[in-house]
N, C-alpha and C. Protein backbone atom coordinates (compact mmCIF):
# COMPACT_ATOMS: atom_id res chain seq x y z
N MET A 1 22.30 77.28 -71.87
CA MET A 1 22.63 78.68 -71.84
C MET A 1 23.87 78.82 -71.12
N MET A 2 24.59 79.48 -71.35
CA MET A 2 25.70 80.29 -70.94
C MET A 2 25.41 81.06 -69.58
N THR A 3 26.10 80.74 -68.38
CA THR A 3 25.88 81.55 -67.33
C THR A 3 26.89 82.76 -67.32
N THR A 4 26.82 83.81 -66.72
CA THR A 4 27.71 84.67 -66.29
C THR A 4 27.80 85.04 -64.97
N LEU A 5 28.79 85.45 -64.64
CA LEU A 5 29.18 86.09 -63.17
C LEU A 5 28.81 87.34 -62.94
N HIS A 6 28.24 87.72 -61.52
CA HIS A 6 27.81 89.03 -61.30
C HIS A 6 28.41 89.28 -59.76
N ALA A 7 29.08 90.55 -59.81
CA ALA A 7 29.89 90.74 -58.64
C ALA A 7 28.67 91.36 -57.37
N LEU A 8 28.96 90.74 -56.25
CA LEU A 8 27.77 91.11 -55.27
C LEU A 8 28.31 92.47 -54.65
N ASN A 9 27.26 93.21 -54.17
CA ASN A 9 27.27 94.26 -53.47
C ASN A 9 27.37 94.04 -51.88
N SER A 10 27.97 95.12 -51.38
CA SER A 10 28.18 95.04 -49.98
C SER A 10 26.93 94.29 -49.01
N LYS A 11 25.96 94.88 -49.42
CA LYS A 11 24.31 94.49 -49.01
C LYS A 11 24.07 92.88 -49.03
N GLU A 12 24.41 92.45 -50.24
CA GLU A 12 24.49 90.72 -50.62
C GLU A 12 25.41 90.33 -49.91
N ILE A 13 26.58 90.52 -49.82
CA ILE A 13 27.89 89.67 -49.21
C ILE A 13 27.23 89.94 -47.73
N LYS A 14 26.74 91.09 -47.00
CA LYS A 14 26.57 90.92 -45.60
C LYS A 14 25.55 89.86 -45.52
N LYS A 15 24.40 89.36 -46.36
CA LYS A 15 23.59 88.60 -46.34
C LYS A 15 24.35 87.11 -46.21
N ILE A 16 25.35 86.85 -47.18
CA ILE A 16 25.81 85.66 -47.36
C ILE A 16 26.62 85.32 -45.84
N HIS A 17 27.38 86.50 -45.30
CA HIS A 17 27.98 86.29 -44.06
C HIS A 17 27.00 86.03 -42.96
N LYS A 18 25.72 86.46 -43.09
CA LYS A 18 24.59 86.04 -41.84
C LYS A 18 24.15 84.74 -42.27
N VAL A 19 23.95 84.33 -43.48
CA VAL A 19 23.54 82.72 -43.85
C VAL A 19 24.65 81.89 -43.08
N LEU A 20 26.10 82.23 -43.49
CA LEU A 20 27.13 81.32 -42.91
C LEU A 20 27.07 81.34 -41.10
N GLU A 21 26.59 82.64 -40.72
CA GLU A 21 26.88 82.71 -39.16
C GLU A 21 25.62 81.86 -38.40
N GLU A 22 24.77 82.15 -39.07
CA GLU A 22 23.36 81.22 -38.90
C GLU A 22 23.30 79.84 -38.86
N GLN A 23 23.74 79.50 -40.23
CA GLN A 23 23.77 77.96 -40.55
C GLN A 23 25.09 77.26 -39.86
N PHE A 24 26.17 77.74 -39.79
CA PHE A 24 27.22 77.11 -39.45
C PHE A 24 28.31 77.87 -38.11
N GLY A 25 27.74 79.02 -37.64
CA GLY A 25 28.31 79.65 -36.49
C GLY A 25 29.50 80.31 -37.05
N TYR A 26 29.68 80.41 -38.26
CA TYR A 26 31.26 81.10 -38.87
C TYR A 26 30.96 82.47 -38.60
N THR A 27 31.79 83.17 -37.96
CA THR A 27 31.67 84.57 -37.81
C THR A 27 32.83 85.31 -38.06
N LYS A 28 33.75 84.92 -38.84
CA LYS A 28 34.76 85.53 -39.31
C LYS A 28 34.43 86.17 -40.91
N LYS A 29 34.80 87.24 -41.28
CA LYS A 29 34.72 87.96 -42.61
C LYS A 29 35.48 87.56 -43.57
N ILE A 30 34.99 87.18 -44.85
CA ILE A 30 35.77 86.69 -45.59
C ILE A 30 35.86 87.98 -46.41
N SER A 31 37.20 88.46 -46.46
CA SER A 31 37.71 90.00 -47.29
C SER A 31 38.16 89.72 -48.76
N LEU A 32 37.32 88.88 -49.69
CA LEU A 32 37.32 88.86 -50.94
C LEU A 32 36.46 89.25 -51.62
N ALA A 33 36.45 89.39 -53.07
CA ALA A 33 35.29 89.68 -53.60
C ALA A 33 34.57 88.66 -53.93
N PHE A 34 33.02 88.59 -53.69
CA PHE A 34 32.08 87.65 -54.07
C PHE A 34 31.34 87.81 -55.33
N TYR A 35 31.36 86.99 -56.00
CA TYR A 35 30.54 86.89 -57.38
C TYR A 35 29.68 85.33 -57.28
N ARG A 36 28.47 85.53 -57.90
CA ARG A 36 27.40 84.91 -58.04
C ARG A 36 27.16 84.55 -59.62
N ASN A 37 26.78 83.36 -60.05
CA ASN A 37 26.53 82.92 -61.30
C ASN A 37 25.14 82.79 -61.29
N ASN A 38 24.54 82.69 -62.50
CA ASN A 38 23.15 82.53 -62.89
C ASN A 38 22.54 81.29 -62.00
N GLN A 39 23.15 80.53 -61.77
CA GLN A 39 22.77 79.06 -61.26
C GLN A 39 23.25 79.23 -59.47
N GLY A 40 23.39 80.51 -59.18
CA GLY A 40 23.50 80.56 -57.29
C GLY A 40 24.95 80.18 -57.11
N LYS A 41 25.74 79.81 -57.79
CA LYS A 41 26.90 79.48 -57.35
C LYS A 41 27.79 80.66 -56.70
N ILE A 42 28.40 80.62 -55.71
CA ILE A 42 29.19 81.70 -55.30
C ILE A 42 30.72 81.52 -55.16
N PHE A 43 31.38 82.51 -55.90
CA PHE A 43 32.72 82.32 -56.16
C PHE A 43 33.67 83.35 -55.34
N LEU A 44 34.75 83.16 -54.57
CA LEU A 44 35.46 84.14 -53.83
C LEU A 44 36.89 84.19 -55.10
N MET A 45 37.23 85.65 -55.03
CA MET A 45 38.55 85.94 -55.79
C MET A 45 39.09 87.21 -55.01
N THR A 46 40.35 87.53 -55.63
CA THR A 46 40.79 88.70 -54.99
C THR A 46 40.20 90.13 -55.46
N LYS A 47 39.89 91.09 -54.85
CA LYS A 47 39.40 92.13 -55.11
C LYS A 47 39.96 92.95 -56.24
N ASP A 48 41.36 92.60 -56.82
CA ASP A 48 41.59 92.97 -57.90
C ASP A 48 41.09 92.76 -59.15
N ILE A 49 40.46 91.65 -59.07
CA ILE A 49 39.53 91.22 -60.17
C ILE A 49 38.86 92.41 -60.90
N GLY A 50 37.96 93.18 -60.05
CA GLY A 50 37.66 94.21 -60.25
C GLY A 50 37.95 95.36 -61.32
N GLN A 51 39.25 95.31 -61.56
CA GLN A 51 40.16 96.12 -62.70
C GLN A 51 39.85 95.68 -64.09
N LEU A 52 39.64 94.26 -64.22
CA LEU A 52 39.43 93.65 -65.23
C LEU A 52 38.01 94.02 -66.18
N PRO A 53 37.89 93.88 -67.21
CA PRO A 53 36.38 94.39 -67.91
C PRO A 53 35.70 92.82 -67.96
N LEU A 54 35.38 92.47 -66.87
CA LEU A 54 34.49 91.03 -66.86
C LEU A 54 33.44 90.98 -67.79
N GLU A 55 32.59 92.21 -67.70
CA GLU A 55 31.37 92.34 -68.35
C GLU A 55 31.42 92.23 -69.83
N GLU A 56 32.68 92.12 -70.29
CA GLU A 56 32.96 91.95 -72.03
C GLU A 56 32.84 90.44 -72.51
N TYR A 57 32.80 89.47 -71.16
CA TYR A 57 32.89 88.23 -71.76
C TYR A 57 31.76 87.46 -70.63
N ARG A 58 31.56 86.33 -71.22
CA ARG A 58 30.59 85.24 -70.51
C ARG A 58 31.43 84.53 -69.91
N ILE A 59 31.60 84.61 -68.67
CA ILE A 59 32.56 83.61 -67.57
C ILE A 59 31.30 82.89 -66.93
N ASP A 60 31.62 81.58 -66.71
CA ASP A 60 30.80 80.71 -65.90
C ASP A 60 31.44 80.42 -64.67
N CYS A 61 32.63 80.69 -64.25
CA CYS A 61 33.34 80.28 -62.89
C CYS A 61 34.70 81.09 -63.23
N LEU A 62 35.19 81.44 -61.79
CA LEU A 62 36.30 82.13 -61.79
C LEU A 62 36.61 82.06 -60.00
N GLY A 63 38.08 81.64 -59.76
CA GLY A 63 38.34 81.89 -58.43
C GLY A 63 37.96 80.75 -57.82
N PHE A 64 37.60 80.82 -56.29
CA PHE A 64 37.49 79.87 -55.62
C PHE A 64 35.82 79.43 -55.23
N TYR A 65 35.49 78.29 -55.90
CA TYR A 65 33.77 78.13 -55.58
C TYR A 65 33.83 77.64 -53.93
N LEU A 66 32.92 78.61 -53.56
CA LEU A 66 32.84 78.25 -52.18
C LEU A 66 31.46 77.53 -51.86
N GLY A 67 30.30 77.67 -52.53
CA GLY A 67 29.10 76.68 -52.33
C GLY A 67 28.00 77.55 -53.29
N THR A 68 26.78 77.02 -53.13
CA THR A 68 25.58 77.45 -53.73
C THR A 68 24.57 77.86 -53.06
N GLU A 69 24.01 78.70 -53.25
CA GLU A 69 22.93 79.09 -52.36
C GLU A 69 21.51 78.40 -52.91
N THR A 70 20.93 78.13 -51.70
CA THR A 70 19.46 77.04 -52.18
C THR A 70 18.83 78.02 -51.26
N PRO A 71 17.13 77.79 -51.67
CA PRO A 71 16.27 78.18 -50.68
C PRO A 71 16.37 77.76 -49.26
N ASP A 72 17.17 76.42 -48.93
CA ASP A 72 17.63 75.80 -47.38
C ASP A 72 18.66 76.64 -46.66
N GLY A 73 19.73 77.30 -47.67
CA GLY A 73 20.72 77.77 -47.02
C GLY A 73 21.87 77.84 -47.96
N ILE A 74 23.14 77.93 -47.73
CA ILE A 74 24.08 77.67 -48.56
C ILE A 74 24.74 76.12 -48.44
N ARG A 75 24.97 75.67 -49.47
CA ARG A 75 25.42 74.16 -49.37
C ARG A 75 26.85 74.27 -49.94
N LEU A 76 27.96 74.26 -49.14
CA LEU A 76 29.51 74.39 -49.59
C LEU A 76 29.78 73.43 -50.21
N THR A 77 31.01 73.68 -50.74
CA THR A 77 31.71 72.63 -51.69
C THR A 77 32.69 72.11 -50.87
N ILE A 78 33.28 70.73 -51.24
CA ILE A 78 34.18 70.21 -50.32
C ILE A 78 35.39 71.39 -49.61
N GLU A 79 36.08 72.05 -50.84
CA GLU A 79 36.91 73.14 -50.28
C GLU A 79 36.37 74.44 -49.54
N GLY A 80 34.97 74.54 -49.78
CA GLY A 80 34.30 75.48 -48.92
C GLY A 80 34.22 75.03 -47.59
N CYS A 81 34.15 73.63 -47.23
CA CYS A 81 34.18 73.22 -46.06
C CYS A 81 35.30 73.19 -45.24
N GLN A 82 36.37 73.15 -46.02
CA GLN A 82 37.78 73.14 -45.72
C GLN A 82 38.01 74.50 -45.31
N LEU A 83 37.52 75.48 -45.99
CA LEU A 83 37.91 76.85 -45.69
C LEU A 83 37.09 77.32 -44.19
N LEU A 84 35.96 77.06 -44.47
CA LEU A 84 35.45 77.47 -43.03
C LEU A 84 35.21 76.43 -41.89
N GLY A 85 35.58 75.33 -42.18
CA GLY A 85 35.15 74.17 -41.07
C GLY A 85 35.89 74.37 -39.83
N LYS A 86 37.26 74.74 -39.69
CA LYS A 86 37.68 74.85 -38.64
C LYS A 86 37.32 75.89 -37.68
N ASP A 87 36.60 76.84 -38.17
CA ASP A 87 36.10 78.18 -37.42
C ASP A 87 34.44 77.89 -37.40
N ALA A 88 33.82 76.72 -37.90
CA ALA A 88 32.35 76.72 -37.92
C ALA A 88 32.13 75.93 -36.48
N THR A 89 31.44 76.69 -35.97
CA THR A 89 30.84 76.17 -34.23
C THR A 89 29.52 75.28 -34.18
N LYS A 90 28.77 75.23 -35.28
CA LYS A 90 27.57 74.31 -35.32
C LYS A 90 27.26 73.70 -36.78
N ASN A 91 26.58 72.66 -36.64
CA ASN A 91 26.42 72.11 -38.03
C ASN A 91 27.25 71.52 -38.49
N VAL A 92 28.37 70.83 -37.45
CA VAL A 92 29.18 70.03 -37.91
C VAL A 92 28.92 68.61 -37.52
N LEU A 93 29.19 67.66 -38.66
CA LEU A 93 28.64 66.19 -38.39
C LEU A 93 29.71 65.58 -38.37
N ASP A 94 30.20 64.86 -37.13
CA ASP A 94 31.51 64.09 -37.12
C ASP A 94 31.04 62.66 -37.32
N ILE A 95 31.65 61.95 -38.38
CA ILE A 95 31.41 60.56 -38.77
C ILE A 95 32.80 59.81 -38.38
N THR A 96 32.61 58.70 -38.30
CA THR A 96 33.60 57.61 -38.22
C THR A 96 34.10 57.38 -39.15
N GLU A 97 35.56 56.96 -38.86
CA GLU A 97 36.42 56.49 -39.96
C GLU A 97 36.08 55.52 -41.00
N LYS A 98 35.32 54.54 -40.34
CA LYS A 98 34.36 53.42 -40.90
C LYS A 98 33.39 53.89 -42.01
N ASP A 99 32.63 54.81 -41.48
CA ASP A 99 31.49 55.47 -42.23
C ASP A 99 32.28 56.28 -43.47
N MET A 100 33.43 56.84 -42.99
CA MET A 100 33.91 57.89 -44.20
C MET A 100 34.60 56.80 -45.61
N HIS A 101 34.95 55.63 -45.00
CA HIS A 101 35.45 54.78 -46.20
C HIS A 101 34.46 53.83 -46.89
N SER A 102 33.42 53.57 -45.87
CA SER A 102 32.23 52.59 -46.28
C SER A 102 31.26 53.21 -47.34
N PHE A 103 31.19 54.73 -46.64
CA PHE A 103 30.05 55.14 -47.37
C PHE A 103 30.53 56.52 -48.35
N TRP A 104 30.93 57.45 -47.23
CA TRP A 104 30.82 58.96 -47.52
C TRP A 104 31.70 59.11 -48.67
N LEU A 105 32.87 58.50 -48.74
CA LEU A 105 33.81 58.84 -49.85
C LEU A 105 33.47 58.20 -51.28
N LYS A 106 32.37 57.20 -50.96
CA LYS A 106 32.03 56.56 -52.36
C LYS A 106 30.95 57.07 -52.61
N GLY A 107 30.30 58.33 -51.95
CA GLY A 107 29.16 58.94 -52.56
C GLY A 107 27.93 58.36 -52.11
N GLU A 108 28.15 57.47 -50.98
CA GLU A 108 26.51 57.27 -50.60
C GLU A 108 26.02 57.73 -49.41
N ASP A 109 24.79 57.86 -49.17
CA ASP A 109 24.30 58.62 -48.15
C ASP A 109 24.56 58.04 -46.79
N LEU A 110 24.47 58.51 -45.58
CA LEU A 110 24.45 57.92 -44.17
C LEU A 110 23.33 57.87 -43.52
N GLU A 111 23.54 57.19 -42.66
CA GLU A 111 22.43 57.20 -41.70
C GLU A 111 23.02 57.39 -40.00
N VAL A 112 22.31 58.29 -39.69
CA VAL A 112 23.06 58.80 -38.39
C VAL A 112 21.72 59.15 -37.32
N GLU A 113 22.30 59.13 -35.98
CA GLU A 113 21.20 59.73 -34.99
C GLU A 113 21.89 60.97 -34.71
N THR A 114 21.29 62.23 -34.95
CA THR A 114 21.75 63.61 -34.64
C THR A 114 20.64 64.35 -34.48
N GLU A 115 21.03 65.47 -33.61
CA GLU A 115 19.86 66.73 -33.63
C GLU A 115 20.04 67.28 -34.81
N LEU A 116 21.14 67.54 -35.32
CA LEU A 116 21.27 68.35 -36.64
C LEU A 116 20.11 68.19 -37.65
N HIS A 117 20.07 69.25 -38.25
CA HIS A 117 19.28 69.22 -39.48
C HIS A 117 19.63 70.31 -40.53
N GLY A 118 19.40 70.13 -41.85
CA GLY A 118 19.60 71.12 -42.77
C GLY A 118 21.03 70.56 -43.44
N PHE A 119 21.81 71.83 -44.01
CA PHE A 119 23.25 71.43 -44.66
C PHE A 119 24.08 71.31 -43.35
N VAL A 120 25.18 70.45 -43.59
CA VAL A 120 26.09 70.21 -42.52
C VAL A 120 27.42 70.10 -43.24
N ILE A 121 28.32 70.48 -42.30
CA ILE A 121 29.89 70.33 -42.72
C ILE A 121 30.14 68.74 -42.48
N VAL A 122 30.72 68.09 -42.93
CA VAL A 122 30.86 66.68 -42.55
C VAL A 122 32.34 66.58 -42.22
N ARG A 123 32.64 66.01 -41.09
CA ARG A 123 33.95 65.75 -40.62
C ARG A 123 34.43 64.67 -40.16
N CYS A 124 35.66 64.23 -40.33
CA CYS A 124 36.23 63.01 -39.57
C CYS A 124 37.59 63.20 -39.26
N GLY A 125 37.79 63.17 -37.87
CA GLY A 125 38.78 63.64 -37.06
C GLY A 125 39.22 65.20 -37.51
N LYS A 126 40.13 65.55 -38.21
CA LYS A 126 40.58 66.73 -38.44
C LYS A 126 40.31 67.04 -39.70
N ASP A 127 39.94 66.01 -40.59
CA ASP A 127 39.71 66.10 -41.95
C ASP A 127 37.95 66.60 -42.50
N PHE A 128 38.13 67.65 -43.14
CA PHE A 128 36.93 68.21 -43.67
C PHE A 128 36.30 67.50 -45.12
N LEU A 129 35.35 66.75 -44.87
CA LEU A 129 34.77 65.74 -46.13
C LEU A 129 34.09 66.52 -47.09
N GLY A 130 33.27 67.57 -46.65
CA GLY A 130 32.36 68.01 -47.83
C GLY A 130 30.78 68.49 -47.13
N SER A 131 30.00 68.81 -47.60
CA SER A 131 28.67 69.02 -47.16
C SER A 131 27.64 67.89 -47.38
N GLY A 132 26.84 67.79 -46.52
CA GLY A 132 25.39 67.08 -46.76
C GLY A 132 24.59 67.83 -46.16
N LYS A 133 23.33 67.30 -46.34
CA LYS A 133 22.06 67.57 -45.93
C LYS A 133 21.26 66.54 -44.81
N VAL A 134 21.12 66.79 -43.61
CA VAL A 134 20.61 65.85 -42.55
C VAL A 134 18.97 65.88 -43.02
N LEU A 135 18.14 64.93 -43.10
CA LEU A 135 16.85 64.79 -43.27
C LEU A 135 16.10 64.62 -41.78
N LYS A 136 14.86 64.63 -41.70
CA LYS A 136 14.15 64.44 -40.67
C LYS A 136 14.57 63.05 -40.04
N ASP A 137 14.63 62.18 -40.96
CA ASP A 137 14.77 60.75 -40.58
C ASP A 137 15.89 60.29 -40.27
N GLY A 138 16.83 61.04 -40.11
CA GLY A 138 18.28 60.79 -40.03
C GLY A 138 19.32 60.44 -41.21
N ARG A 139 18.80 60.51 -42.21
CA ARG A 139 19.66 60.28 -43.53
C ARG A 139 20.17 61.62 -43.90
N VAL A 140 21.71 61.37 -44.07
CA VAL A 140 22.37 62.70 -44.45
C VAL A 140 22.61 62.33 -45.99
N ILE A 141 22.12 63.18 -46.86
CA ILE A 141 22.38 63.26 -48.03
C ILE A 141 23.98 63.60 -48.41
N ASN A 142 24.29 62.79 -49.49
CA ASN A 142 25.91 63.27 -49.58
C ASN A 142 25.82 63.85 -50.93
N TYR A 143 26.76 65.03 -50.77
CA TYR A 143 26.93 65.94 -52.27
C TYR A 143 28.23 65.98 -52.62
N VAL A 144 29.25 64.63 -52.39
CA VAL A 144 30.43 64.63 -53.03
C VAL A 144 30.00 64.25 -54.39
N PRO A 145 30.55 65.20 -55.35
CA PRO A 145 30.53 65.05 -56.88
C PRO A 145 31.03 63.73 -57.51
N LYS A 146 30.25 63.13 -58.35
CA LYS A 146 30.65 61.75 -58.78
C LYS A 146 32.25 61.78 -59.11
N SER A 147 32.74 62.76 -59.72
CA SER A 147 34.07 62.79 -60.23
C SER A 147 34.99 62.91 -59.05
N ARG A 148 34.79 63.10 -57.92
CA ARG A 148 35.69 62.96 -56.51
C ARG A 148 35.46 61.88 -55.90
N ARG A 149 34.47 60.95 -56.03
CA ARG A 149 34.17 59.63 -55.53
C ARG A 149 35.23 58.74 -55.46
N LEU A 150 35.49 57.86 -54.56
CA LEU A 150 36.40 56.55 -54.77
C LEU A 150 35.72 55.68 -55.25
N HIS A 151 36.17 55.09 -56.27
CA HIS A 151 35.56 53.86 -57.02
C HIS A 151 36.30 52.51 -56.60
N VAL A 152 35.65 51.72 -56.29
CA VAL A 152 36.03 50.39 -55.85
C VAL A 152 36.18 49.30 -56.86
N VAL A 153 37.34 49.09 -57.61
CA VAL A 153 37.28 48.18 -58.48
C VAL A 153 37.62 46.74 -57.81
N ASN A 154 36.75 45.65 -58.18
CA ASN A 154 36.96 44.41 -57.87
C ASN A 154 37.91 43.73 -58.60
N ALA A 155 39.03 43.05 -57.76
CA ALA A 155 40.21 42.43 -58.44
C ALA A 155 39.92 40.85 -58.70
């Protein structure tokens, strides 16, 4: 089934801003047009996009992919973490360089001791690496897409 994009109204955009504030402490307002597809993916683009007759086309994605709405909150993309991360004041999980190279960039889950729970922005130093989900047992589910993981080739 082909998905289509739908422009979000101001009430829906306020709800997304509220979730971003509750989830990550992100208080800035994103002054771009917000669109959502049928799969709950949120896209940002210039407000000038409204001048195009988008309803005449079946468009799956367009612009900047921020993240996906889920029942547990918004799961940010790597780029979404990079956009919001420097201004996020909560649910930012700092990992070591060793964990970054040994696990995270390979797409493997992490075991951590943290008080955080739910979706988090994963950071190593000044680098925002993407989002994860901290479970009650301290495991962090890795959401780095397979196509963006580091693959180790044995020589």
